């Protein structure tokens, strides 16, 4: 898994791995992350540098 960035908010660290414009591919990356022990992993969508909802990201892909 390729580290894209790391973000600290208070005492919480968020690690962002992989990057894809395909939701199906993102789901595969999520499954891989969870299989490697990152049980709290989830998909995050961005439009440029702005974090957006998965629903908005899927609308942009249409």
PDB file of N, CA and C in Angstrom:
ATOM      1  N   UNK A   1       0.851  -1.175   0.000  1.00  0.00           N
ATOM      2  CA  UNK A   1       0.000   0.000   0.000  1.00  0.00           C
ATOM      3  C   UNK A   1       0.891   1.231   0.000  1.00  0.00           C
ATOM      4  N   UNK A   2       0.556   2.178  -0.858  1.00  0.00           N
ATOM      5  CA  UNK A   2       1.359   3.381  -1.029  1.00  0.00           C
ATOM      6  C   UNK A   2       0.794   4.533  -0.200  1.00  0.00           C
ATOM      7  N   UNK A   3       1.618   5.073   0.723  1.00  0.00           N
ATOM      8  CA  UNK A   3       1.200   6.204   1.548  1.00  0.00           C
ATOM      9  C   UNK A   3       1.118   7.462   0.691  1.00  0.00           C
ATOM     10  N   UNK A   4      -0.041   8.121   0.713  1.00  0.00           N
ATOM     11  CA  UNK A   4      -0.236   9.379  -0.011  1.00  0.00           C
ATOM     12  C   UNK A   4       0.051  10.551   0.923  1.00  0.00           C
ATOM     13  N   UNK A   5      -0.550  10.544   2.117  1.00  0.00           N
ATOM     14  CA  UNK A   5      -0.315  11.621   3.081  1.00  0.00           C
ATOM     15  C   UNK A   5      -0.719  11.187   4.485  1.00  0.00           C
ATOM     16  N   UNK A   6      -0.292  12.002   5.449  1.00  0.00           N
ATOM     17  CA  UNK A   6      -0.614  11.768   6.853  1.00  0.00           C
ATOM     18  C   UNK A   6      -1.126  13.090   7.406  1.00  0.00           C
ATOM     19  N   UNK A   7      -2.179  13.031   8.236  1.00  0.00           N
ATOM     20  CA  UNK A   7      -2.809  14.233   8.773  1.00  0.00           C
ATOM     21  C   UNK A   7      -3.035  14.035  10.273  1.00  0.00           C
ATOM     22  N   UNK A   8      -2.663  15.045  11.078  1.00  0.00           N
ATOM     23  CA  UNK A   8      -2.884  14.961  12.517  1.00  0.00           C
ATOM     24  C   UNK A   8      -3.971  15.951  12.914  1.00  0.00           C
ATOM     25  N   UNK A   9      -4.986  15.453  13.629  1.00  0.00           N
ATOM     26  CA  UNK A   9      -6.056  16.278  14.168  1.00  0.00           C
ATOM     27  C   UNK A   9      -6.152  15.970  15.649  1.00  0.00           C
ATOM     28  N   UNK A  10      -5.674  16.889  16.504  1.00  0.00           N
ATOM     29  CA  UNK A  10      -5.636  16.613  17.940  1.00  0.00           C
ATOM     30  C   UNK A  10      -4.693  15.464  18.206  1.00  0.00           C
ATOM     31  N   UNK A  11      -5.191  14.420  18.872  1.00  0.00           N
ATOM     32  CA  UNK A  11      -4.388  13.225  19.142  1.00  0.00           C
ATOM     33  C   UNK A  11      -4.588  12.135  18.103  1.00  0.00           C
ATOM     34  N   UNK A  12      -5.338  12.435  17.056  1.00  0.00           N
ATOM     35  CA  UNK A  12      -5.691  11.452  16.035  1.00  0.00           C
ATOM     36  C   UNK A  12      -4.833  11.643  14.787  1.00  0.00           C
ATOM     37  N   UNK A  13      -4.272  10.548  14.304  1.00  0.00           N
ATOM     38  CA  UNK A  13      -3.538  10.570  13.039  1.00  0.00           C
ATOM     39  C   UNK A  13      -4.389   9.885  11.982  1.00  0.00           C
ATOM     40  N   UNK A  14      -4.444  10.481  10.807  1.00  0.00           N
ATOM     41  CA  UNK A  14      -5.146   9.868   9.676  1.00  0.00           C
ATOM     42  C   UNK A  14      -4.124   9.622   8.584  1.00  0.00           C
ATOM     43  N   UNK A  15      -4.085   8.388   8.099  1.00  0.00           N
ATOM     44  CA  UNK A  15      -3.161   8.015   7.048  1.00  0.00           C
ATOM     45  C   UNK A  15      -3.966   7.749   5.786  1.00  0.00           C
ATOM     46  N   UNK A  16      -3.554   8.363   4.702  1.00  0.00           N
ATOM     47  CA  UNK A  16      -4.236   8.193   3.432  1.00  0.00           C
ATOM     48  C   UNK A  16      -3.356   7.351   2.516  1.00  0.00           C
ATOM     49  N   UNK A  17      -3.907   6.224   2.065  1.00  0.00           N
ATOM     50  CA  UNK A  17      -3.191   5.297   1.201  1.00  0.00           C
ATOM     51  C   UNK A  17      -3.928   5.163  -0.120  1.00  0.00           C
ATOM     52  N   UNK A  18      -3.147   4.956  -1.151  1.00  0.00           N
ATOM     53  CA  UNK A  18      -3.661   4.721  -2.500  1.00  0.00           C
ATOM     54  C   UNK A  18      -4.451   5.918  -3.009  1.00  0.00           C
ATOM     55  N   UNK A  19      -4.774   5.863  -4.271  1.00  0.00           N
ATOM     56  CA  UNK A  19      -5.543   6.917  -4.911  1.00  0.00           C
ATOM     57  C   UNK A  19      -6.175   6.320  -6.159  1.00  0.00           C
ATOM     58  N   UNK A  20      -7.419   6.647  -6.376  1.00  0.00           N
ATOM     59  CA  UNK A  20      -8.123   6.096  -7.534  1.00  0.00           C
ATOM     60  C   UNK A  20      -9.307   6.981  -7.897  1.00  0.00           C
ATOM     61  N   UNK A  21      -9.618   7.036  -9.170  1.00  0.00           N
ATOM     62  CA  UNK A  21     -10.827   7.739  -9.604  1.00  0.00           C
ATOM     63  C   UNK A  21     -11.956   6.739  -9.854  1.00  0.00           C
ATOM     64  N   UNK A  22     -11.712   5.476  -9.503  1.00  0.00           N
ATOM     65  CA  UNK A  22     -12.707   4.421  -9.668  1.00  0.00           C
ATOM     66  C   UNK A  22     -13.194   3.964  -8.294  1.00  0.00           C
ATOM     67  N   UNK A  23     -14.497   4.034  -8.067  1.00  0.00           N
ATOM     68  CA  UNK A  23     -15.062   3.598  -6.785  1.00  0.00           C
ATOM     69  C   UNK A  23     -14.831   2.101  -6.582  1.00  0.00           C
ATOM     70  N   UNK A  24     -14.953   1.316  -7.643  1.00  0.00           N
ATOM     71  CA  UNK A  24     -14.740  -0.127  -7.534  1.00  0.00           C
ATOM     72  C   UNK A  24     -13.302  -0.424  -7.115  1.00  0.00           C
ATOM     73  N   UNK A  25     -12.352   0.299  -7.692  1.00  0.00           N
ATOM     74  CA  UNK A  25     -10.952   0.112  -7.328  1.00  0.00           C
ATOM     75  C   UNK A  25     -10.714   0.556  -5.876  1.00  0.00           C
ATOM     76  N   UNK A  26     -11.344   1.643  -5.474  1.00  0.00           N
ATOM     77  CA  UNK A  26     -11.228   2.121  -4.090  1.00  0.00           C
ATOM     78  C   UNK A  26     -11.748   1.060  -3.116  1.00  0.00           C
ATOM     79  N   UNK A  27     -12.829   0.379  -3.486  1.00  0.00           N
ATOM     80  CA  UNK A  27     -13.370  -0.678  -2.638  1.00  0.00           C
ATOM     81  C   UNK A  27     -12.380  -1.837  -2.511  1.00  0.00           C
ATOM     82  N   UNK A  28     -11.643  -2.132  -3.590  1.00  0.00           N
ATOM     83  CA  UNK A  28     -10.622  -3.186  -3.539  1.00  0.00           C
ATOM     84  C   UNK A  28      -9.490  -2.773  -2.608  1.00  0.00           C
ATOM     85  N   UNK A  29      -9.069  -1.496  -2.691  1.00  0.00           N
ATOM     86  CA  UNK A  29      -8.023  -0.998  -1.798  1.00  0.00           C
ATOM     87  C   UNK A  29      -8.487  -1.065  -0.345  1.00  0.00           C
ATOM     88  N   UNK A  30      -9.751  -0.744  -0.103  1.00  0.00           N
ATOM     89  CA  UNK A  30     -10.308  -0.798   1.247  1.00  0.00           C
ATOM     90  C   UNK A  30     -10.266  -2.226   1.787  1.00  0.00           C
ATOM     91  N   UNK A  31     -10.667  -3.159   0.969  1.00  0.00           N
ATOM     92  CA  UNK A  31     -10.658  -4.572   1.372  1.00  0.00           C
ATOM     93  C   UNK A  31      -9.231  -5.013   1.709  1.00  0.00           C
ATOM     94  N   UNK A  32      -8.270  -4.585   0.892  1.00  0.00           N
ATOM     95  CA  UNK A  32      -6.861  -4.926   1.119  1.00  0.00           C
ATOM     96  C   UNK A  32      -6.374  -4.320   2.438  1.00  0.00           C
ATOM     97  N   UNK A  33      -6.708  -3.057   2.687  1.00  0.00           N
ATOM     98  CA  UNK A  33      -6.294  -2.390   3.930  1.00  0.00           C
ATOM     99  C   UNK A  33      -6.863  -3.120   5.139  1.00  0.00           C
ATOM    100  N   UNK A  34      -8.115  -3.490   5.072  1.00  0.00           N
ATOM    101  CA  UNK A  34      -8.753  -4.199   6.190  1.00  0.00           C
ATOM    102  C   UNK A  34      -8.121  -5.568   6.402  1.00  0.00           C
ATOM    103  N   UNK A  35      -7.755  -6.242   5.307  1.00  0.00           N
ATOM    104  CA  UNK A  35      -7.126  -7.559   5.426  1.00  0.00           C
ATOM    105  C   UNK A  35      -5.732  -7.461   6.038  1.00  0.00           C
ATOM    106  N   UNK A  36      -5.118  -6.281   5.967  1.00  0.00           N
ATOM    107  CA  UNK A  36      -3.795  -6.066   6.558  1.00  0.00           C
ATOM    108  C   UNK A  36      -3.891  -5.557   8.000  1.00  0.00           C
ATOM    109  N   UNK A  37      -5.100  -5.550   8.565  1.00  0.00           N
ATOM    110  CA  UNK A  37      -5.256  -5.214   9.968  1.00  0.00           C
ATOM    111  C   UNK A  37      -5.771  -3.811  10.249  1.00  0.00           C
ATOM    112  N   UNK A  38      -6.030  -3.035   9.210  1.00  0.00           N
ATOM    113  CA  UNK A  38      -6.570  -1.691   9.400  1.00  0.00           C
ATOM    114  C   UNK A  38      -8.099  -1.775   9.421  1.00  0.00           C
ATOM    115  N   UNK A  39      -8.631  -2.333  10.508  1.00  0.00           N
ATOM    116  CA  UNK A  39     -10.059  -2.635  10.586  1.00  0.00           C
ATOM    117  C   UNK A  39     -10.941  -1.388  10.581  1.00  0.00           C
ATOM    118  N   UNK A  40     -10.395  -0.237  10.939  1.00  0.00           N
ATOM    119  CA  UNK A  40     -11.167   1.009  10.955  1.00  0.00           C
ATOM    120  C   UNK A  40     -11.027   1.800   9.662  1.00  0.00           C
ATOM    121  N   UNK A  41     -10.428   1.209   8.651  1.00  0.00           N
ATOM    122  CA  UNK A  41     -10.211   1.899   7.374  1.00  0.00           C
ATOM    123  C   UNK A  41     -11.539   2.217   6.700  1.00  0.00           C
ATOM    124  N   UNK A  42     -11.558   3.299   5.923  1.00  0.00           N
ATOM    125  CA  UNK A  42     -12.747   3.667   5.161  1.00  0.00           C
ATOM    126  C   UNK A  42     -12.324   4.491   3.952  1.00  0.00           C
ATOM    127  N   UNK A  43     -13.222   4.644   3.009  1.00  0.00           N
ATOM    128  CA  UNK A  43     -12.965   5.389   1.783  1.00  0.00           C
ATOM    129  C   UNK A  43     -13.247   6.865   2.021  1.00  0.00           C
ATOM    130  N   UNK A  44     -12.338   7.710   1.538  1.00  0.00           N
ATOM    131  CA  UNK A  44     -12.491   9.163   1.623  1.00  0.00           C
ATOM    132  C   UNK A  44     -12.406   9.708   0.205  1.00  0.00           C
ATOM    133  N   UNK A  45     -13.318  10.607  -0.141  1.00  0.00           N
ATOM    134  CA  UNK A  45     -13.337  11.189  -1.486  1.00  0.00           C
ATOM    135  C   UNK A  45     -12.864  12.644  -1.436  1.00  0.00           C
ATOM    136  N   UNK A  46     -12.140  13.033  -2.480  1.00  0.00           N
ATOM    137  CA  UNK A  46     -11.657  14.412  -2.610  1.00  0.00           C
ATOM    138  C   UNK A  46     -11.983  14.927  -3.998  1.00  0.00           C
ATOM    139  N   UNK A  47     -12.243  16.215  -4.074  1.00  0.00           N
ATOM    140  CA  UNK A  47     -12.348  16.935  -5.342  1.00  0.00           C
ATOM    141  C   UNK A  47     -11.238  17.974  -5.290  1.00  0.00           C
ATOM    142  N   UNK A  48     -10.114  17.656  -5.916  1.00  0.00           N
ATOM    143  CA  UNK A  48      -8.922  18.475  -5.743  1.00  0.00           C
ATOM    144  C   UNK A  48      -8.414  18.249  -4.328  1.00  0.00           C
ATOM    145  N   UNK A  49      -8.247  19.312  -3.568  1.00  0.00           N
ATOM    146  CA  UNK A  49      -7.801  19.203  -2.178  1.00  0.00           C
ATOM    147  C   UNK A  49      -8.955  19.219  -1.184  1.00  0.00           C
ATOM    148  N   UNK A  50     -10.181  19.355  -1.681  1.00  0.00           N
ATOM    149  CA  UNK A  50     -11.356  19.467  -0.818  1.00  0.00           C
ATOM    150  C   UNK A  50     -11.980  18.090  -0.588  1.00  0.00           C
ATOM    151  N   UNK A  51     -12.181  17.725   0.693  1.00  0.00           N
ATOM    152  CA  UNK A  51     -12.840  16.455   1.026  1.00  0.00           C
ATOM    153  C   UNK A  51     -14.326  16.596   0.725  1.00  0.00           C
ATOM    154  N   UNK A  52     -14.889  15.604   0.029  1.00  0.00           N
ATOM    155  CA  UNK A  52     -16.309  15.607  -0.329  1.00  0.00           C
ATOM    156  C   UNK A  52     -16.923  14.267   0.072  1.00  0.00           C
ATOM    157  N   UNK A  53     -18.241  14.202   0.021  1.00  0.00           N
ATOM    158  CA  UNK A  53     -18.922  12.951   0.360  1.00  0.00           C
ATOM    159  C   UNK A  53     -18.740  11.938  -0.768  1.00  0.00           C
ATOM    160  N   UNK A  54     -18.895  10.685  -0.429  1.00  0.00           N
ATOM    161  CA  UNK A  54     -18.828   9.623  -1.441  1.00  0.00           C
ATOM    162  C   UNK A  54     -19.932   9.837  -2.471  1.00  0.00           C
ATOM    163  N   UNK A  55     -21.116  10.245  -2.017  1.00  0.00           N
ATOM    164  CA  UNK A  55     -22.236  10.496  -2.939  1.00  0.00           C
ATOM    165  C   UNK A  55     -21.879  11.568  -3.962  1.00  0.00           C
ATOM    166  N   UNK A  56     -21.268  12.666  -3.483  1.00  0.00           N
ATOM    167  CA  UNK A  56     -20.861  13.728  -4.414  1.00  0.00           C
ATOM    168  C   UNK A  56     -19.795  13.238  -5.374  1.00  0.00           C
ATOM    169  N   UNK A  57     -18.872  12.432  -4.882  1.00  0.00           N
ATOM    170  CA  UNK A  57     -17.812  11.875  -5.748  1.00  0.00           C
ATOM    171  C   UNK A  57     -18.409  10.972  -6.826  1.00  0.00           C
ATOM    172  N   UNK A  58     -19.374  10.149  -6.441  1.00  0.00           N
ATOM    173  CA  UNK A  58     -20.009   9.273  -7.421  1.00  0.00           C
ATOM    174  C   UNK A  58     -20.772  10.080  -8.467  1.00  0.00           C
ATOM    175  N   UNK A  59     -21.400  11.188  -8.048  1.00  0.00           N
ATOM    176  CA  UNK A  59     -22.081  12.067  -8.993  1.00  0.00           C
ATOM    177  C   UNK A  59     -21.094  12.686  -9.976  1.00  0.00           C
ATOM    178  N   UNK A  60     -19.908  13.045  -9.498  1.00  0.00           N
ATOM    179  CA  UNK A  60     -18.887  13.625 -10.371  1.00  0.00           C
ATOM    180  C   UNK A  60     -18.395  12.624 -11.406  1.00  0.00           C
ATOM    181  N   UNK A  61     -18.434  11.341 -11.071  1.00  0.00           N
ATOM    182  CA  UNK A  61     -17.969  10.299 -12.003  1.00  0.00           C
ATOM    183  C   UNK A  61     -18.966  10.011 -13.120  1.00  0.00           C
ATOM    184  N   UNK A  62     -20.211  10.476 -12.960  1.00  0.00           N
ATOM    185  CA  UNK A  62     -21.246  10.200 -13.973  1.00  0.00           C
ATOM    186  C   UNK A  62     -21.004  11.027 -15.211  1.00  0.00           C
TER     187      UNK A  62
END
